[in-house]
Protein backbone atom coordinates (compact mmCIF):
# COMPACT_ATOMS: atom_id res chain seq x y z
CA HIS A 1 -50.32 -38.82 -38.79
CA GLU A 2 -47.92 -41.18 -37.01
CA PHE A 3 -45.09 -40.04 -39.28
CA LEU A 4 -45.96 -36.39 -38.58
CA VAL A 5 -45.53 -37.01 -34.86
CA LYS A 6 -42.25 -38.87 -35.41
CA GLN A 7 -40.91 -36.14 -37.70
CA THR A 8 -41.92 -33.44 -35.20
CA VAL A 9 -40.18 -35.23 -32.32
CA PHE A 10 -37.11 -35.72 -34.51
CA GLU A 11 -37.00 -31.99 -35.31
CA CYS A 12 -37.30 -31.13 -31.61
CA PHE A 13 -34.32 -33.34 -30.79
CA GLN A 14 -32.39 -31.77 -33.69
CA ILE A 15 -32.89 -28.31 -32.22
CA LEU A 16 -31.82 -29.41 -28.76
CA ASN A 17 -28.80 -31.27 -30.16
CA GLN A 18 -27.73 -28.18 -32.12
CA HIS A 19 -27.52 -26.33 -28.82
CA ARG A 20 -25.69 -29.16 -27.09
CA GLN A 21 -23.07 -29.32 -29.85
CA ARG A 22 -22.16 -25.65 -29.64
CA ASP A 23 -18.95 -24.73 -27.90
CA SER A 24 -19.61 -23.28 -24.46
CA SER A 25 -17.91 -20.02 -25.49
CA TRP A 26 -20.73 -19.41 -27.99
CA TYR A 27 -23.08 -18.92 -25.04
CA ASN A 28 -20.87 -16.18 -23.55
CA ASP A 29 -22.57 -13.67 -25.86
CA ASP A 30 -25.71 -12.51 -24.03
CA VAL A 31 -27.80 -12.21 -27.20
CA GLN A 32 -26.88 -15.71 -28.37
CA TYR A 33 -27.44 -17.19 -24.90
CA SER A 34 -30.82 -15.48 -24.55
CA GLY A 35 -31.93 -16.64 -28.00
CA ALA A 36 -30.80 -20.20 -27.33
CA MET A 37 -32.62 -20.36 -24.01
CA LYS A 38 -35.78 -18.91 -25.54
CA GLU A 39 -35.68 -21.47 -28.34
CA ALA A 40 -35.02 -24.36 -25.94
CA VAL A 41 -38.00 -23.34 -23.84
CA GLN A 42 -40.18 -22.98 -26.95
CA VAL A 43 -39.44 -26.43 -28.39
CA ARG A 44 -42.61 -27.88 -26.86
CA ALA A 45 -44.70 -25.00 -28.19
CA MET A 46 -43.10 -25.46 -31.62
CA ALA A 47 -44.08 -29.12 -31.66
CA LEU A 48 -47.63 -28.34 -30.63
CA SER A 49 -47.84 -25.62 -33.28
CA LYS A 50 -46.92 -28.07 -36.00
CA LEU A 51 -49.48 -30.63 -34.86
CA ASN A 52 -52.15 -27.96 -34.41
CA TYR A 53 -51.38 -26.57 -37.86
CA TRP A 54 -52.29 -29.94 -39.33
CA LEU A 55 -55.47 -30.16 -37.25
CA ASP A 56 -56.53 -26.56 -38.00
CA HIS A 57 -55.86 -26.64 -41.77
CA ARG A 58 -58.15 -29.41 -43.00
CA GLY A 59 -57.22 -28.89 -46.66
CA VAL A 60 -53.51 -29.46 -46.04
CA SER A 61 -52.26 -33.03 -46.13
CA CYS A 62 -50.41 -34.56 -43.23
CA ARG A 63 -47.43 -35.24 -45.50
CA THR A 64 -47.27 -31.57 -46.51
CA VAL A 65 -47.19 -30.48 -42.87
CA GLN A 66 -44.62 -33.18 -42.11
CA ARG A 67 -42.28 -31.60 -44.69
CA MET A 68 -42.70 -28.09 -43.27
CA PRO A 69 -39.81 -27.01 -41.02
CA LEU A 70 -40.76 -26.86 -37.35
CA ARG A 71 -39.50 -23.31 -36.80
CA GLU A 72 -41.32 -22.08 -39.92
CA VAL A 73 -44.67 -23.51 -38.82
CA PHE A 74 -44.18 -22.10 -35.33
CA LEU A 75 -43.48 -18.59 -36.60
CA GLN A 76 -46.34 -18.77 -39.10
CA GLU A 77 -48.75 -19.84 -36.35
CA GLN A 78 -47.49 -17.11 -34.02
CA ARG A 79 -48.07 -14.46 -36.70
CA HIS A 80 -51.53 -15.88 -37.40
CA ARG A 81 -52.55 -15.84 -33.72
CA GLU A 82 -51.17 -12.33 -33.24
CA SER A 83 -53.03 -11.15 -36.33
CA GLN A 84 -56.26 -12.57 -34.89
CA LEU A 85 -55.68 -10.65 -31.66
CA HIS A 86 -55.05 -7.41 -33.57
CA ARG A 87 -58.33 -7.97 -35.45
CA SER A 88 -60.13 -8.55 -32.16
CA LEU A 89 -58.63 -5.36 -30.73
CA ARG A 90 -59.65 -3.32 -33.80
CA GLN A 91 -63.18 -4.74 -33.72
CA ALA A 92 -63.58 -4.09 -30.00
CA THR A 93 -62.28 -0.55 -30.50
CA SER A 94 -64.67 0.15 -33.36
CA GLU A 95 -67.58 -1.19 -31.28
CA GLY A 96 -66.54 0.76 -28.18
CA ASP A 97 -66.32 -2.52 -26.25
CA ALA A 98 -64.10 -1.58 -23.27
CA GLU A 99 -63.95 -5.15 -21.92
CA GLY A 100 -63.07 -6.52 -25.37
CA ILE A 101 -60.36 -3.89 -25.76
CA ARG A 102 -58.91 -4.77 -22.35
CA ALA A 103 -58.98 -8.52 -23.07
CA ALA A 104 -57.41 -8.23 -26.54
CA ALA A 105 -54.76 -5.77 -25.36
CA ALA A 106 -53.88 -8.01 -22.41
CA ALA A 107 -53.64 -11.06 -24.68
CA LEU A 108 -51.35 -9.18 -27.06
CA CYS A 109 -49.16 -8.05 -24.16
CA ARG A 110 -48.93 -11.66 -22.90
CA ARG A 111 -47.88 -12.83 -26.37
CA LYS A 112 -45.14 -10.21 -26.37
CA GLY A 113 -43.98 -11.30 -22.92
CA LEU A 114 -45.00 -8.05 -21.26
CA LEU A 115 -47.58 -9.69 -18.97
CA ARG A 116 -47.96 -13.08 -17.40
């Protein structure tokens, strides 16, 4: 697991260095700037996603997770968590659980950045 941590930290620095190496004019485009800032802020969450992926998927070897690209694991984990929330919302809806509906809907909105 030590190599997984080292690889994850290395990938984080790679992402940050990619942004540092870009010409400043690249950031003049609002869409590119926004995407770069979002990614820079998410680097910590990406690292945690990769480590949590290894902890949560007992049948997957540490070396396999180490080889998985950081961004790919992050997106896969985001989709998985969002899918869980959608399931919770559907279940709460089918059971008529108003509090469950509210909680799942609020969690989904937070994931989408619509609520804090």
